[in-house]
Amino acid sequence: MPRYFFNLRYGHLHVLDSRGETCSDPGEALEHAVVAVLDLITKEGRFRNWARWSIEIEDENRRRVATLPFTLVLKSHRQPGE
């Protein structure tokens, strides 16, 4: 299975994922990224300003496959009444 890397970006700060994760395809890598974002938000605080954060998914050749803004994940996973 291919390896994908999930780099964090906050403005100009870029934290590279040196280990990566194996995923069957880019769709599974995107699902993994959503779970990683939700996990980070849960651990670090839902009310932190996540507006400038994103996760960049790269394939095993370090080519960018997708960029997922944290705000997009938060919007799609809001609880009723929020």
PDB file of N, CA and C in Angstrom:
ATOM      1  N   MET A   1       0.842  -1.192   0.000  1.00  0.00           N
ATOM      2  CA  MET A   1       0.000   0.000   0.000  1.00  0.00           C
ATOM      3  C   MET A   1       0.881   1.247   0.000  1.00  0.00           C
ATOM      4  N   PRO A   2       0.403   2.296  -0.647  1.00  0.00           N
ATOM      5  CA  PRO A   2       1.173   3.541  -0.687  1.00  0.00           C
ATOM      6  C   PRO A   2       1.222   4.227   0.683  1.00  0.00           C
ATOM      7  N   ARG A   3       2.263   4.998   0.880  1.00  0.00           N
ATOM      8  CA  ARG A   3       2.434   5.776   2.109  1.00  0.00           C
ATOM      9  C   ARG A   3       2.075   7.230   1.814  1.00  0.00           C
ATOM     10  N   TYR A   4       1.338   7.825   2.738  1.00  0.00           N
ATOM     11  CA  TYR A   4       0.957   9.227   2.649  1.00  0.00           C
ATOM     12  C   TYR A   4       1.489   9.955   3.871  1.00  0.00           C
ATOM     13  N   PHE A   5       1.802  11.231   3.679  1.00  0.00           N
ATOM     14  CA  PHE A   5       2.333  12.063   4.747  1.00  0.00           C
ATOM     15  C   PHE A   5       1.349  13.182   5.047  1.00  0.00           C
ATOM     16  N   PHE A   6       1.212  13.510   6.325  1.00  0.00           N
ATOM     17  CA  PHE A   6       0.208  14.460   6.790  1.00  0.00           C
ATOM     18  C   PHE A   6       0.921  15.600   7.518  1.00  0.00           C
ATOM     19  N   ASN A   7       1.236  16.648   6.767  1.00  0.00           N
ATOM     20  CA  ASN A   7       1.983  17.785   7.293  1.00  0.00           C
ATOM     21  C   ASN A   7       1.021  18.831   7.829  1.00  0.00           C
ATOM     22  N   LEU A   8       1.382  19.429   8.964  1.00  0.00           N
ATOM     23  CA  LEU A   8       0.575  20.494   9.543  1.00  0.00           C
ATOM     24  C   LEU A   8       1.128  21.839   9.102  1.00  0.00           C
ATOM     25  N   ARG A   9       0.215  22.758   8.835  1.00  0.00           N
ATOM     26  CA  ARG A   9       0.616  24.114   8.470  1.00  0.00           C
ATOM     27  C   ARG A   9      -0.219  25.098   9.282  1.00  0.00           C
ATOM     28  N   TYR A  10       0.488  26.069   9.836  1.00  0.00           N
ATOM     29  CA  TYR A  10      -0.152  27.184  10.545  1.00  0.00           C
ATOM     30  C   TYR A  10       0.521  28.456  10.059  1.00  0.00           C
ATOM     31  N   GLY A  11      -0.121  29.181   9.180  1.00  0.00           N
ATOM     32  CA  GLY A  11       0.511  30.353   8.594  1.00  0.00           C
ATOM     33  C   GLY A  11       1.788  29.938   7.875  1.00  0.00           C
ATOM     34  N   HIS A  12       2.911  30.478   8.340  1.00  0.00           N
ATOM     35  CA  HIS A  12       4.199  30.148   7.730  1.00  0.00           C
ATOM     36  C   HIS A  12       4.882  28.956   8.402  1.00  0.00           C
ATOM     37  N   LEU A  13       4.353  28.507   9.524  1.00  0.00           N
ATOM     38  CA  LEU A  13       4.916  27.351  10.224  1.00  0.00           C
ATOM     39  C   LEU A  13       4.492  26.077   9.507  1.00  0.00           C
ATOM     40  N   HIS A  14       5.451  25.201   9.239  1.00  0.00           N
ATOM     41  CA  HIS A  14       5.180  23.964   8.509  1.00  0.00           C
ATOM     42  C   HIS A  14       5.825  22.816   9.277  1.00  0.00           C
ATOM     43  N   VAL A  15       5.024  21.902   9.807  1.00  0.00           N
ATOM     44  CA  VAL A  15       5.525  20.758  10.553  1.00  0.00           C
ATOM     45  C   VAL A  15       5.393  19.523   9.669  1.00  0.00           C
ATOM     46  N   LEU A  16       6.545  18.975   9.254  1.00  0.00           N
ATOM     47  CA  LEU A  16       6.555  17.831   8.338  1.00  0.00           C
ATOM     48  C   LEU A  16       6.329  16.520   9.078  1.00  0.00           C
ATOM     49  N   ASP A  17       5.531  15.677   8.484  1.00  0.00           N
ATOM     50  CA  ASP A  17       5.316  14.312   8.963  1.00  0.00           C
ATOM     51  C   ASP A  17       6.429  13.451   8.362  1.00  0.00           C
ATOM     52  N   SER A  18       7.327  12.979   9.189  1.00  0.00           N
ATOM     53  CA  SER A  18       8.454  12.190   8.675  1.00  0.00           C
ATOM     54  C   SER A  18       8.141  10.708   8.587  1.00  0.00           C
ATOM     55  N   ARG A  19       7.094  10.253   9.262  1.00  0.00           N
ATOM     56  CA  ARG A  19       6.752   8.834   9.305  1.00  0.00           C
ATOM     57  C   ARG A  19       5.719   8.438   8.263  1.00  0.00           C
ATOM     58  N   GLY A  20       4.641   9.196   8.192  1.00  0.00           N
ATOM     59  CA  GLY A  20       3.565   8.879   7.260  1.00  0.00           C
ATOM     60  C   GLY A  20       2.733   7.691   7.708  1.00  0.00           C
ATOM     61  N   GLU A  21       1.719   7.400   6.922  1.00  0.00           N
ATOM     62  CA  GLU A  21       0.798   6.286   7.186  1.00  0.00           C
ATOM     63  C   GLU A  21       0.480   5.607   5.859  1.00  0.00           C
ATOM     64  N   THR A  22       0.270   4.302   5.901  1.00  0.00           N
ATOM     65  CA  THR A  22      -0.139   3.608   4.683  1.00  0.00           C
ATOM     66  C   THR A  22      -1.656   3.710   4.539  1.00  0.00           C
ATOM     67  N   CYS A  23      -2.082   4.026   3.332  1.00  0.00           N
ATOM     68  CA  CYS A  23      -3.494   4.139   2.990  1.00  0.00           C
ATOM     69  C   CYS A  23      -3.676   3.535   1.603  1.00  0.00           C
ATOM     70  N   SER A  24      -4.831   2.974   1.349  1.00  0.00           N
ATOM     71  CA  SER A  24      -5.059   2.298   0.073  1.00  0.00           C
ATOM     72  C   SER A  24      -5.124   3.253  -1.116  1.00  0.00           C
ATOM     73  N   ASP A  25      -5.589   4.490  -0.878  1.00  0.00           N
ATOM     74  CA  ASP A  25      -5.732   5.462  -1.965  1.00  0.00           C
ATOM     75  C   ASP A  25      -5.883   6.862  -1.376  1.00  0.00           C
ATOM     76  N   PRO A  26      -5.924   7.892  -2.237  1.00  0.00           N
ATOM     77  CA  PRO A  26      -6.056   9.259  -1.718  1.00  0.00           C
ATOM     78  C   PRO A  26      -7.338   9.475  -0.901  1.00  0.00           C
ATOM     79  N   GLY A  27      -8.415   8.784  -1.237  1.00  0.00           N
ATOM     80  CA  GLY A  27      -9.659   8.915  -0.472  1.00  0.00           C
ATOM     81  C   GLY A  27      -9.487   8.454   0.964  1.00  0.00           C
ATOM     82  N   GLU A  28      -8.808   7.339   1.144  1.00  0.00           N
ATOM     83  CA  GLU A  28      -8.555   6.849   2.500  1.00  0.00           C
ATOM     84  C   GLU A  28      -7.600   7.796   3.230  1.00  0.00           C
ATOM     85  N   ALA A  29      -6.648   8.364   2.511  1.00  0.00           N
ATOM     86  CA  ALA A  29      -5.729   9.328   3.120  1.00  0.00           C
ATOM     87  C   ALA A  29      -6.501  10.565   3.596  1.00  0.00           C
ATOM     88  N   LEU A  30      -7.469  11.010   2.814  1.00  0.00           N
ATOM     89  CA  LEU A  30      -8.288  12.149   3.218  1.00  0.00           C
ATOM     90  C   LEU A  30      -9.103  11.814   4.467  1.00  0.00           C
ATOM     91  N   GLU A  31      -9.662  10.616   4.524  1.00  0.00           N
ATOM     92  CA  GLU A  31     -10.393  10.182   5.721  1.00  0.00           C
ATOM     93  C   GLU A  31      -9.473  10.168   6.936  1.00  0.00           C
ATOM     94  N   HIS A  32      -8.254   9.680   6.758  1.00  0.00           N
ATOM     95  CA  HIS A  32      -7.278   9.652   7.840  1.00  0.00           C
ATOM     96  C   HIS A  32      -6.979  11.082   8.311  1.00  0.00           C
ATOM     97  N   ALA A  33      -6.858  12.014   7.372  1.00  0.00           N
ATOM     98  CA  ALA A  33      -6.581  13.407   7.714  1.00  0.00           C
ATOM     99  C   ALA A  33      -7.717  14.010   8.539  1.00  0.00           C
ATOM    100  N   VAL A  34      -8.958  13.732   8.171  1.00  0.00           N
ATOM    101  CA  VAL A  34     -10.116  14.243   8.918  1.00  0.00           C
ATOM    102  C   VAL A  34     -10.071  13.728  10.355  1.00  0.00           C
ATOM    103  N   VAL A  35      -9.807  12.437  10.528  1.00  0.00           N
ATOM    104  CA  VAL A  35      -9.728  11.853  11.869  1.00  0.00           C
ATOM    105  C   VAL A  35      -8.584  12.493  12.656  1.00  0.00           C
ATOM    106  N   ALA A  36      -7.436  12.706  12.004  1.00  0.00           N
ATOM    107  CA  ALA A  36      -6.286  13.324  12.672  1.00  0.00           C
ATOM    108  C   ALA A  36      -6.608  14.751  13.120  1.00  0.00           C
ATOM    109  N   VAL A  37      -7.293  15.503  12.268  1.00  0.00           N
ATOM    110  CA  VAL A  37      -7.675  16.875  12.619  1.00  0.00           C
ATOM    111  C   VAL A  37      -8.631  16.865  13.807  1.00  0.00           C
ATOM    112  N   LEU A  38      -9.643  16.024  13.765  1.00  0.00           N
ATOM    113  CA  LEU A  38     -10.602  15.950  14.872  1.00  0.00           C
ATOM    114  C   LEU A  38      -9.927  15.519  16.171  1.00  0.00           C
ATOM    115  N   ASP A  39      -8.984  14.591  16.085  1.00  0.00           N
ATOM    116  CA  ASP A  39      -8.252  14.141  17.264  1.00  0.00           C
ATOM    117  C   ASP A  39      -7.423  15.283  17.852  1.00  0.00           C
ATOM    118  N   LEU A  40      -6.738  16.023  17.001  1.00  0.00           N
ATOM    119  CA  LEU A  40      -5.930  17.147  17.462  1.00  0.00           C
ATOM    120  C   LEU A  40      -6.804  18.219  18.101  1.00  0.00           C
ATOM    121  N   ILE A  41      -7.925  18.527  17.491  1.00  0.00           N
ATOM    122  CA  ILE A  41      -8.839  19.528  18.042  1.00  0.00           C
ATOM    123  C   ILE A  41      -9.373  19.066  19.395  1.00  0.00           C
ATOM    124  N   THR A  42      -9.695  17.788  19.519  1.00  0.00           N
ATOM    125  CA  THR A  42     -10.189  17.247  20.785  1.00  0.00           C
ATOM    126  C   THR A  42      -9.129  17.368  21.880  1.00  0.00           C
ATOM    127  N   LYS A  43      -7.890  17.045  21.547  1.00  0.00           N
ATOM    128  CA  LYS A  43      -6.808  17.090  22.533  1.00  0.00           C
ATOM    129  C   LYS A  43      -6.384  18.509  22.883  1.00  0.00           C
ATOM    130  N   GLU A  44      -6.373  19.394  21.907  1.00  0.00           N
ATOM    131  CA  GLU A  44      -5.828  20.739  22.110  1.00  0.00           C
ATOM    132  C   GLU A  44      -6.883  21.799  22.423  1.00  0.00           C
ATOM    133  N   GLY A  45      -8.135  21.477  22.277  1.00  0.00           N
ATOM    134  CA  GLY A  45      -9.169  22.443  22.628  1.00  0.00           C
ATOM    135  C   GLY A  45      -9.998  22.899  21.449  1.00  0.00           C
ATOM    136  N   ARG A  46     -11.264  22.693  21.557  1.00  0.00           N
ATOM    137  CA  ARG A  46     -12.196  23.028  20.485  1.00  0.00           C
ATOM    138  C   ARG A  46     -12.273  24.529  20.240  1.00  0.00           C
ATOM    139  N   PHE A  47     -11.973  25.327  21.245  1.00  0.00           N
ATOM    140  CA  PHE A  47     -12.165  26.767  21.111  1.00  0.00           C
ATOM    141  C   PHE A  47     -10.881  27.517  20.748  1.00  0.00           C
ATOM    142  N   ARG A  48      -9.821  26.787  20.482  1.00  0.00           N
ATOM    143  CA  ARG A  48      -8.599  27.413  19.974  1.00  0.00           C
ATOM    144  C   ARG A  48      -8.924  27.979  18.586  1.00  0.00           C
ATOM    145  N   ASN A  49      -8.215  28.995  18.172  1.00  0.00           N
ATOM    146  CA  ASN A  49      -8.449  29.566  16.852  1.00  0.00           C
ATOM    147  C   ASN A  49      -7.777  28.681  15.795  1.00  0.00           C
ATOM    148  N   TRP A  50      -8.559  27.855  15.145  1.00  0.00           N
ATOM    149  CA  TRP A  50      -8.044  26.915  14.150  1.00  0.00           C
ATOM    150  C   TRP A  50      -8.117  27.481  12.731  1.00  0.00           C
ATOM    151  N   ALA A  51      -8.512  28.724  12.574  1.00  0.00           N
ATOM    152  CA  ALA A  51      -8.777  29.287  11.251  1.00  0.00           C
ATOM    153  C   ALA A  51      -7.566  29.248  10.319  1.00  0.00           C
ATOM    154  N   ARG A  52      -6.358  29.342  10.834  1.00  0.00           N
ATOM    155  CA  ARG A  52      -5.181  29.368   9.967  1.00  0.00           C
ATOM    156  C   ARG A  52      -4.490  28.015   9.865  1.00  0.00           C
ATOM    157  N   TRP A  53      -5.046  26.995  10.486  1.00  0.00           N
ATOM    158  CA  TRP A  53      -4.442  25.663  10.460  1.00  0.00           C
ATOM    159  C   TRP A  53      -4.958  24.857   9.270  1.00  0.00           C
ATOM    160  N   SER A  54      -4.083  24.027   8.715  1.00  0.00           N
ATOM    161  CA  SER A  54      -4.490  23.080   7.668  1.00  0.00           C
ATOM    162  C   SER A  54      -3.581  21.866   7.740  1.00  0.00           C
ATOM    163  N   ILE A  55      -4.023  20.811   7.109  1.00  0.00           N
ATOM    164  CA  ILE A  55      -3.218  19.600   7.000  1.00  0.00           C
ATOM    165  C   ILE A  55      -3.009  19.353   5.509  1.00  0.00           C
ATOM    166  N   GLU A  56      -1.754  19.167   5.140  1.00  0.00           N
ATOM    167  CA  GLU A  56      -1.410  18.927   3.737  1.00  0.00           C
ATOM    168  C   GLU A  56      -1.068  17.450   3.575  1.00  0.00           C
ATOM    169  N   ILE A  57      -1.737  16.812   2.656  1.00  0.00           N
ATOM    170  CA  ILE A  57      -1.516  15.383   2.400  1.00  0.00           C
ATOM    171  C   ILE A  57      -0.587  15.254   1.204  1.00  0.00           C
ATOM    172  N   GLU A  58       0.491  14.495   1.399  1.00  0.00           N
ATOM    173  CA  GLU A  58       1.441  14.243   0.316  1.00  0.00           C
ATOM    174  C   GLU A  58       1.540  12.744   0.078  1.00  0.00           C
ATOM    175  N   ASP A  59       1.774  12.379  -1.185  1.00  0.00           N
ATOM    176  CA  ASP A  59       1.956  10.966  -1.498  1.00  0.00           C
ATOM    177  C   ASP A  59       3.384  10.539  -1.176  1.00  0.00           C
ATOM    178  N   GLU A  60       3.712   9.289  -1.486  1.00  0.00           N
ATOM    179  CA  GLU A  60       5.032   8.766  -1.118  1.00  0.00           C
ATOM    180  C   GLU A  60       6.178   9.449  -1.868  1.00  0.00           C
ATOM    181  N   ASN A  61       5.871  10.167  -2.948  1.00  0.00           N
ATOM    182  CA  ASN A  61       6.876  10.944  -3.673  1.00  0.00           C
ATOM    183  C   ASN A  61       6.924  12.392  -3.208  1.00  0.00           C
ATOM    184  N   ARG A  62       6.197  12.661  -2.125  1.00  0.00           N
ATOM    185  CA  ARG A  62       6.110  13.989  -1.510  1.00  0.00           C
ATOM    186  C   ARG A  62       5.456  15.020  -2.430  1.00  0.00           C
ATOM    187  N   ARG A  63       4.542  14.534  -3.289  1.00  0.00           N
ATOM    188  CA  ARG A  63       3.714  15.433  -4.097  1.00  0.00           C
ATOM    189  C   ARG A  63       2.412  15.673  -3.346  1.00  0.00           C
ATOM    190  N   ARG A  64       1.997  16.922  -3.290  1.00  0.00           N
ATOM    191  CA  ARG A  64       0.776  17.264  -2.559  1.00  0.00           C
ATOM    192  C   ARG A  64      -0.437  16.669  -3.261  1.00  0.00           C
ATOM    193  N   VAL A  65      -1.243  15.946  -2.496  1.00  0.00           N
ATOM    194  CA  VAL A  65      -2.472  15.329  -2.990  1.00  0.00           C
ATOM    195  C   VAL A  65      -3.666  16.216  -2.657  1.00  0.00           C
ATOM    196  N   ALA A  66      -3.644  16.809  -1.451  1.00  0.00           N
ATOM    197  CA  ALA A  66      -4.761  17.644  -1.011  1.00  0.00           C
ATOM    198  C   ALA A  66      -4.315  18.519   0.147  1.00  0.00           C
ATOM    199  N   THR A  67      -5.037  19.617   0.330  1.00  0.00           N
ATOM    200  CA  THR A  67      -4.879  20.469   1.504  1.00  0.00           C
ATOM    201  C   THR A  67      -6.242  20.573   2.155  1.00  0.00           C
ATOM    202  N   LEU A  68      -6.291  20.278   3.443  1.00  0.00           N
ATOM    203  CA  LEU A  68      -7.553  20.260   4.168  1.00  0.00           C
ATOM    204  C   LEU A  68      -7.514  21.304   5.285  1.00  0.00           C
ATOM    205  N   PRO A  69      -8.214  22.437   5.108  1.00  0.00           N
ATOM    206  CA  PRO A  69      -8.270  23.435   6.176  1.00  0.00           C
ATOM    207  C   PRO A  69      -9.042  22.886   7.383  1.00  0.00           C
ATOM    208  N   PHE A  70      -8.543  23.159   8.584  1.00  0.00           N
ATOM    209  CA  PHE A  70      -9.226  22.700   9.794  1.00  0.00           C
ATOM    210  C   PHE A  70     -10.653  23.241   9.844  1.00  0.00           C
ATOM    211  N   THR A  71     -10.859  24.477   9.366  1.00  0.00           N
ATOM    212  CA  THR A  71     -12.196  25.066   9.428  1.00  0.00           C
ATOM    213  C   THR A  71     -13.211  24.254   8.624  1.00  0.00           C
ATOM    214  N   LEU A  72     -12.777  23.654   7.531  1.00  0.00           N
ATOM    215  CA  LEU A  72     -13.669  22.812   6.733  1.00  0.00           C
ATOM    216  C   LEU A  72     -14.101  21.584   7.532  1.00  0.00           C
ATOM    217  N   VAL A  73     -13.168  21.000   8.256  1.00  0.00           N
ATOM    218  CA  VAL A  73     -13.489  19.827   9.085  1.00  0.00           C
ATOM    219  C   VAL A  73     -14.441  20.233  10.198  1.00  0.00           C
ATOM    220  N   LEU A  74     -14.177  21.361  10.841  1.00  0.00           N
ATOM    221  CA  LEU A  74     -15.047  21.821  11.924  1.00  0.00           C
ATOM    222  C   LEU A  74     -16.462  22.091  11.435  1.00  0.00           C
ATOM    223  N   LYS A  75     -16.597  22.711  10.269  1.00  0.00           N
ATOM    224  CA  LYS A  75     -17.924  23.001   9.716  1.00  0.00           C
ATOM    225  C   LYS A  75     -18.698  21.736   9.406  1.00  0.00           C
ATOM    226  N   SER A  76     -18.009  20.725   8.917  1.00  0.00           N
ATOM    227  CA  SER A  76     -18.693  19.498   8.514  1.00  0.00           C
ATOM    228  C   SER A  76     -18.975  18.571   9.695  1.00  0.00           C
ATOM    229  N   HIS A  77     -18.388  18.843  10.865  1.00  0.00           N
ATOM    230  CA  HIS A  77     -18.590  17.973  12.025  1.00  0.00           C
ATOM    231  C   HIS A  77     -19.202  18.707  13.207  1.00  0.00           C
ATOM    232  N   ARG A  78     -19.946  19.750  12.941  1.00  0.00           N
ATOM    233  CA  ARG A  78     -20.632  20.468  14.023  1.00  0.00           C
ATOM    234  C   ARG A  78     -21.754  19.610  14.589  1.00  0.00           C
ATOM    235  N   GLN A  79     -21.914  19.749  15.884  1.00  0.00           N
ATOM    236  CA  GLN A  79     -22.997  19.059  16.559  1.00  0.00           C
ATOM    237  C   GLN A  79     -24.281  19.890  16.434  1.00  0.00           C
ATOM    238  N   PRO A  80     -25.446  19.260  16.448  1.00  0.00           N
ATOM    239  CA  PRO A  80     -26.704  20.019  16.390  1.00  0.00           C
ATOM    240  C   PRO A  80     -26.757  21.037  17.537  1.00  0.00           C
ATOM    241  N   GLY A  81     -27.187  22.245  17.215  1.00  0.00           N
ATOM    242  CA  GLY A  81     -27.296  23.289  18.224  1.00  0.00           C
ATOM    243  C   GLY A  81     -26.053  24.153  18.360  1.00  0.00           C
ATOM    244  N   GLU A  82     -24.992  23.821  17.631  1.00  0.00           N
ATOM    245  CA  GLU A  82     -23.769  24.632  17.723  1.00  0.00           C
ATOM    246  C   GLU A  82     -23.867  25.823  16.809  1.00  0.00           C
TER     247      GLU A  82
END
